[in-house]
């Protein structure tokens, strides 16, 4: 991860240098704040990276210069000491949150990440849970949306009730279509999930799969990136920030889905539709005053 950050920041300077030409009429100077995150900057005792600056003198056309400045701005917006923090100028991040990793906004009031090994474990746990939450929220709302729009019929589209159809006489059809996946045995489903998920998780943790070695356990790339989204280091660094930001929102969304299910006994789309229809009656404050689980 540290080496990726080093590559990300240095790559901007490399791109800039590669675009220098003798045809430009305007000279521009860009100063990049880079993080020394290589092995010499972060050792076993987790020495905190120190900021360095690289000045790149460019001879570029004004349009090229503006485009390059935009790339540089994106690179420093999410990483390093000049990154955005959770309270902006009023933030005082602890010294161990250096902006080295994606999604670091300098907030750790409980000191949960002060220990490097704990920090590493929490980072991995957060990213994995974020990805599951992203899939989970999509899986919760899709059946309801398709049912309400008439695009498909599920029998029971609410996420916390849909799975029970596997015990019905006709079983469970994926997306309401028997020709896709038709399931009638919960034992077979559990066995399949245990085998497939255990294999996938073991490959991820080991950083290798049959015919593939040396993969990062969190961001493997290679065959796991068929669209080559991570080929460009700057794009990759930005995508990692977007993933964790959306993943954190998805985790909060799933928590909200759980609370809604307990309080109203309805799915998120139906709750949303009720709120839009009469927001002053169907809202969290009104329901909290007359709370009866699954009334």
Protein backbone atom coordinates (compact mmCIF):
# COMPACT_ATOMS: atom_id res chain seq x y z
CA UNK A 1 0.00 0.00 0.00
CA UNK A 2 2.80 2.35 0.88
CA UNK A 3 4.56 1.67 -2.38
CA UNK A 4 1.32 2.32 -4.25
CA UNK A 5 1.04 5.73 -2.62
CA UNK A 6 4.63 6.48 -3.60
CA UNK A 7 3.88 5.45 -7.18
CA UNK A 8 0.69 7.50 -7.21
CA UNK A 9 2.35 10.74 -6.23
CA UNK A 10 5.51 10.31 -8.24
CA UNK A 11 3.52 9.29 -11.32
CA UNK A 12 2.03 12.77 -11.51
CA UNK A 13 5.53 14.23 -11.78
CA UNK A 14 6.46 11.56 -14.31
CA UNK A 15 3.45 12.36 -16.44
CA UNK A 16 4.26 16.03 -16.23
CA UNK A 17 7.85 15.49 -17.32
CA UNK A 18 6.76 13.30 -20.23
CA UNK A 19 4.56 16.06 -21.54
CA UNK A 20 7.24 18.75 -21.63
CA UNK A 21 7.80 19.91 -25.17
CA UNK A 22 9.76 22.67 -26.81
CA UNK A 23 6.67 23.98 -28.62
CA UNK A 24 4.96 25.46 -25.59
CA UNK A 25 4.92 29.22 -25.33
CA UNK A 26 4.12 29.46 -21.64
CA UNK A 27 6.27 28.14 -18.84
CA UNK A 28 4.55 26.85 -15.73
CA UNK A 29 5.80 25.61 -12.40
CA UNK A 30 3.94 23.10 -10.26
CA UNK A 31 4.92 22.10 -6.77
CA UNK A 32 3.61 18.75 -5.62
CA UNK A 33 3.35 17.67 -2.02
CA UNK A 34 4.39 14.02 -2.02
CA UNK A 35 4.45 11.51 0.77
CA UNK A 36 7.62 9.55 1.34
CA UNK A 37 5.88 6.28 1.92
CA UNK A 38 8.47 3.83 0.75
CA UNK A 39 10.25 1.31 2.92
CA UNK A 40 12.72 4.00 4.01
CA UNK A 41 9.90 6.17 5.35
CA UNK A 42 7.68 3.60 7.04
CA UNK A 43 9.54 0.99 8.99
CA UNK A 44 8.48 -1.73 11.42
CA UNK A 45 8.13 0.88 14.16
CA UNK A 46 5.85 2.91 11.86
CA UNK A 47 7.80 6.06 11.57
CA UNK A 48 5.47 8.72 10.31
CA UNK A 49 6.02 9.76 6.72
CA UNK A 50 7.42 13.20 6.21
CA UNK A 51 6.25 15.45 3.44
CA UNK A 52 8.53 16.25 0.55
CA UNK A 53 8.08 18.61 -2.35
CA UNK A 54 8.88 18.18 -5.98
CA UNK A 55 8.99 21.21 -8.23
CA UNK A 56 8.28 20.46 -11.86
CA UNK A 57 8.99 23.16 -14.42
CA UNK A 58 6.80 22.68 -17.45
CA UNK A 59 6.62 24.23 -20.87
CA UNK A 60 3.02 23.52 -21.74
CA UNK A 61 0.20 25.12 -23.65
CA UNK A 62 -2.33 26.78 -21.30
CA UNK A 63 -4.97 24.09 -21.95
CA UNK A 64 -2.53 21.27 -21.17
CA UNK A 65 -1.39 23.11 -18.06
CA UNK A 66 -4.93 23.45 -16.73
CA UNK A 67 -5.63 19.76 -17.36
CA UNK A 68 -2.45 18.73 -15.57
CA UNK A 69 -3.20 21.04 -12.65
CA UNK A 70 -6.59 19.33 -12.32
CA UNK A 71 -4.91 15.91 -12.09
CA UNK A 72 -2.49 17.19 -9.46
CA UNK A 73 -5.33 18.73 -7.44
CA UNK A 74 -7.15 15.39 -7.36
CA UNK A 75 -4.02 13.58 -6.23
CA UNK A 76 -3.43 15.87 -3.24
CA UNK A 77 -7.09 16.33 -2.34
CA UNK A 78 -7.44 12.92 -0.69
CA UNK A 79 -3.90 12.12 0.48
CA UNK A 80 -1.08 13.74 2.44
CA UNK A 81 -1.02 16.51 4.99
CA UNK A 82 -3.03 18.90 2.78
CA UNK A 83 -5.96 16.49 2.34
CA UNK A 84 -9.51 17.36 3.36
CA UNK A 85 -10.23 16.54 7.02
CA UNK A 86 -13.48 15.91 8.85
CA UNK A 87 -13.69 19.40 10.39
CA UNK A 88 -11.70 21.24 7.77
CA UNK A 89 -9.38 23.87 9.27
CA UNK A 90 -10.66 23.08 12.76
CA UNK A 91 -9.42 19.47 12.63
CA UNK A 92 -6.37 18.36 14.55
CA UNK A 93 -5.59 14.83 13.27
CA UNK A 94 -3.45 12.57 15.44
CA UNK A 95 0.12 12.15 14.23
CA UNK A 96 -0.45 8.53 13.18
CA UNK A 97 -3.12 9.55 10.64
CA UNK A 98 -0.85 10.98 7.98
CA UNK A 99 -3.13 10.78 4.96
CA UNK A 100 -1.27 7.77 3.66
CA UNK A 101 -4.37 5.63 3.13
CA UNK A 102 -7.65 6.26 1.25
CA UNK A 103 -10.51 7.62 3.32
CA UNK A 104 -8.29 9.10 6.03
CA UNK A 105 -10.00 12.31 7.15
CA UNK A 106 -8.04 12.59 10.38
CA UNK A 107 -10.81 11.40 12.70
CA UNK A 108 -9.98 8.92 15.46
CA UNK A 109 -11.15 10.46 18.74
CA UNK A 110 -11.09 7.07 20.49
CA UNK A 111 -7.52 6.31 19.41
CA UNK A 112 -8.55 2.96 17.92
CA UNK A 113 -5.88 3.12 15.21
CA UNK A 114 -2.92 4.23 17.31
CA UNK A 115 -1.40 0.75 17.19
CA UNK A 116 -0.09 -0.02 13.66
CA UNK A 117 -1.20 -3.66 13.67
CA UNK A 118 -4.66 -2.74 14.95
CA UNK A 119 -4.87 0.01 12.34
CA UNK A 120 -4.00 -2.45 9.57
CA UNK A 121 -6.60 -4.94 10.79
CA UNK A 122 -9.31 -2.28 11.11
CA UNK A 123 -8.57 -0.96 7.60
CA UNK A 124 -8.98 -4.40 6.12
CA UNK A 125 -12.16 -5.07 8.09
CA UNK A 126 -13.69 -1.76 7.06
CA UNK A 127 -13.00 -2.24 3.36
CA UNK A 128 -14.40 -5.79 3.35
CA UNK A 129 -17.53 -4.77 5.27
CA UNK A 130 -17.95 -1.76 2.99
CA UNK A 131 -17.95 -3.98 -0.09
CA UNK A 132 -20.51 -6.33 1.45
CA UNK A 133 -22.68 -3.35 2.39
CA UNK A 134 -22.50 -1.99 -1.16
CA UNK A 135 -23.74 -5.33 -2.49
CA UNK A 136 -26.26 -5.68 0.34
CA UNK A 137 -27.95 -2.32 -0.16
CA UNK A 138 -28.26 -2.97 -3.88
CA UNK A 139 -29.71 -6.41 -3.17
CA UNK A 140 -32.21 -4.98 -0.68
CA UNK A 141 -33.67 -2.28 -2.90
CA UNK A 142 -33.56 -3.95 -6.33
CA UNK A 143 -36.37 -6.51 -5.80
CA UNK A 144 -38.67 -3.83 -4.36
CA UNK A 145 -37.96 -1.45 -7.24
CA UNK A 146 -38.59 -4.15 -9.85
CA UNK A 147 -41.77 -5.25 -8.09
CA UNK A 148 -43.16 -1.71 -7.76
CA UNK A 149 -42.40 -0.86 -11.39
CA UNK A 150 -43.91 -4.12 -12.64
CA UNK A 151 -40.65 -5.21 -14.25
CA UNK A 152 -40.69 -8.49 -12.36
CA UNK A 153 -42.75 -10.43 -9.85
CA UNK A 154 -41.10 -11.92 -6.78
CA UNK A 155 -43.98 -13.09 -4.66
CA UNK A 156 -42.27 -11.43 -1.71
CA UNK A 157 -39.92 -8.58 -2.61
CA UNK A 158 -39.07 -7.18 0.84
CA UNK A 159 -35.47 -8.11 1.61
CA UNK A 160 -36.00 -9.65 5.05
CA UNK A 161 -38.90 -11.79 3.83
CA UNK A 162 -37.74 -12.76 0.34
CA UNK A 163 -35.39 -15.52 1.49
CA UNK A 164 -38.18 -17.38 3.29
CA UNK A 165 -39.66 -18.34 -0.08
CA UNK A 166 -37.04 -21.06 -0.37
CA UNK A 167 -39.10 -23.02 2.16
CA UNK A 168 -42.28 -22.64 0.11
CA UNK A 169 -43.53 -25.44 -2.10
CA UNK A 170 -42.37 -23.80 -5.33
CA UNK A 171 -38.97 -22.74 -3.96
CA UNK A 172 -37.18 -19.48 -4.72
CA UNK A 173 -36.53 -18.03 -8.17
CA UNK A 174 -33.68 -15.56 -8.60
CA UNK A 175 -35.09 -12.20 -9.78
CA UNK A 176 -38.43 -13.96 -10.06
CA UNK A 177 -37.22 -15.96 -13.05
CA UNK A 178 -37.01 -19.74 -12.74
CA UNK A 179 -34.74 -19.96 -15.78
CA UNK A 180 -31.96 -18.04 -13.96
CA UNK A 181 -31.55 -19.74 -10.58
CA UNK A 182 -34.20 -21.90 -8.97
CA UNK A 183 -33.45 -22.88 -5.37
CA UNK A 184 -35.42 -25.29 -3.21
CA UNK A 185 -32.85 -26.58 -0.71
CA UNK A 186 -31.41 -24.30 1.96
CA UNK A 187 -28.85 -27.00 2.75
CA UNK A 188 -27.55 -26.98 -0.82
CA UNK A 189 -27.37 -23.16 -0.80
CA UNK A 190 -25.43 -23.10 2.47
CA UNK A 191 -23.02 -25.78 1.29
CA UNK A 192 -22.38 -23.97 -1.98
CA UNK A 193 -21.77 -20.66 -0.19
CA UNK A 194 -19.39 -22.23 2.34
CA UNK A 195 -17.29 -23.85 -0.38
CA UNK A 196 -17.20 -20.89 -2.76
CA UNK A 197 -16.75 -18.17 -0.14
CA UNK A 198 -14.11 -20.05 1.81
CA UNK A 199 -12.09 -20.52 -1.38
CA UNK A 200 -12.47 -16.87 -2.37
CA UNK A 201 -11.50 -15.65 1.09
CA UNK A 202 -8.49 -17.93 1.29
CA UNK A 203 -7.27 -16.66 -2.10
CA UNK A 204 -7.76 -13.07 -0.94
CA UNK A 205 -5.97 -13.51 2.38
CA UNK A 206 -3.06 -15.38 0.78
CA UNK A 207 -2.75 -12.89 -2.07
CA UNK A 208 -2.66 -15.62 -4.67
CA UNK A 209 -4.93 -17.89 -6.66
CA UNK A 210 -4.29 -20.75 -9.09
CA UNK A 211 -2.05 -19.32 -11.78
CA UNK A 212 -1.84 -15.89 -10.11
CA UNK A 213 0.65 -14.79 -7.46
CA UNK A 214 1.72 -11.66 -5.64
CA UNK A 215 -1.71 -10.05 -5.35
CA UNK A 216 -2.57 -7.39 -2.80
CA UNK A 217 -5.06 -8.79 -0.28
CA UNK A 218 -7.28 -5.69 -0.42
CA UNK A 219 -6.76 -4.45 -3.96
CA UNK A 220 -5.69 -7.52 -5.95
CA UNK A 221 -6.06 -6.13 -9.47
CA UNK A 222 -4.89 -8.44 -12.27
CA UNK A 223 -7.64 -10.91 -13.21
CA UNK A 224 -9.88 -9.31 -10.56
CA UNK A 225 -9.84 -6.06 -12.55
CA UNK A 226 -11.13 -7.17 -15.99
CA UNK A 227 -12.01 -3.58 -16.95
CA UNK A 228 -8.48 -2.40 -16.14
CA UNK A 229 -9.82 0.40 -13.96
CA UNK A 230 -6.66 0.43 -11.86
CA UNK A 231 -4.13 0.63 -14.67
CA UNK A 232 -3.55 4.32 -14.14
CA UNK A 233 -2.11 4.95 -10.63
CA UNK A 234 -3.81 8.33 -10.21
CA UNK A 235 -7.20 6.96 -11.22
CA UNK A 236 -6.65 3.97 -8.94
CA UNK A 237 -5.86 6.20 -5.96
CA UNK A 238 -9.04 8.20 -6.55
CA UNK A 239 -11.19 5.09 -7.04
CA UNK A 240 -10.03 3.70 -3.69
CA UNK A 241 -11.23 6.87 -1.98
CA UNK A 242 -14.58 6.71 -3.78
CA UNK A 243 -14.99 3.05 -2.82
CA UNK A 244 -14.47 3.60 0.89
CA UNK A 245 -16.64 6.74 0.95
CA UNK A 246 -19.55 5.00 -0.77
CA UNK A 247 -18.94 1.89 1.31
CA UNK A 248 -19.27 3.85 4.55
CA UNK A 249 -22.55 5.31 3.34
CA UNK A 250 -23.72 1.80 2.41
CA UNK A 251 -22.91 0.50 5.90
CA UNK A 252 -25.02 3.26 7.44
CA UNK A 253 -27.76 2.48 4.92
CA UNK A 254 -27.82 -1.18 5.90
CA UNK A 255 -28.08 -0.17 9.56
CA UNK A 256 -31.03 2.02 8.60
CA UNK A 257 -32.64 -0.87 6.73
CA UNK A 258 -32.36 -3.04 9.87
CA UNK A 259 -33.97 -0.36 12.05
CA UNK A 260 -36.74 0.26 9.52
CA UNK A 261 -37.51 -3.46 9.33
CA UNK A 262 -37.78 -3.74 13.12
CA UNK A 263 -39.83 -0.56 13.57
CA UNK A 264 -42.15 -0.57 10.54
CA UNK A 265 -42.03 -4.13 9.21
CA UNK A 266 -41.59 -2.69 5.71
CA UNK A 267 -38.82 -2.50 3.15
CA UNK A 268 -36.76 0.66 2.46
CA UNK A 269 -38.50 1.52 -0.82
CA UNK A 270 -41.98 1.20 0.70
CA UNK A 271 -40.90 3.33 3.66
CA UNK A 272 -39.50 5.93 1.29
CA UNK A 273 -42.72 5.95 -0.78
CA UNK A 274 -44.81 6.40 2.39
CA UNK A 275 -42.62 9.30 3.47
CA UNK A 276 -42.90 11.03 0.09
CA UNK A 277 -46.68 10.62 0.15
CA UNK A 278 -47.07 12.22 3.61
CA UNK A 279 -43.74 13.37 5.09
CA UNK A 280 -45.27 14.95 8.20
CA UNK A 281 -46.97 11.71 9.24
CA UNK A 282 -44.52 9.09 7.97
CA UNK A 283 -41.16 10.02 9.45
CA UNK A 284 -38.77 8.82 12.08
CA UNK A 285 -39.85 11.30 14.76
CA UNK A 286 -43.53 10.42 14.43
CA UNK A 287 -42.87 6.68 14.52
CA UNK A 288 -40.54 6.97 17.53
CA UNK A 289 -43.39 8.32 19.67
CA UNK A 290 -45.55 5.24 19.02
CA UNK A 291 -42.95 2.53 18.57
CA UNK A 292 -44.32 -1.00 18.35
CA UNK A 293 -41.99 -3.48 16.62
CA UNK A 294 -43.49 -4.77 13.36
CA UNK A 295 -46.94 -3.53 14.24
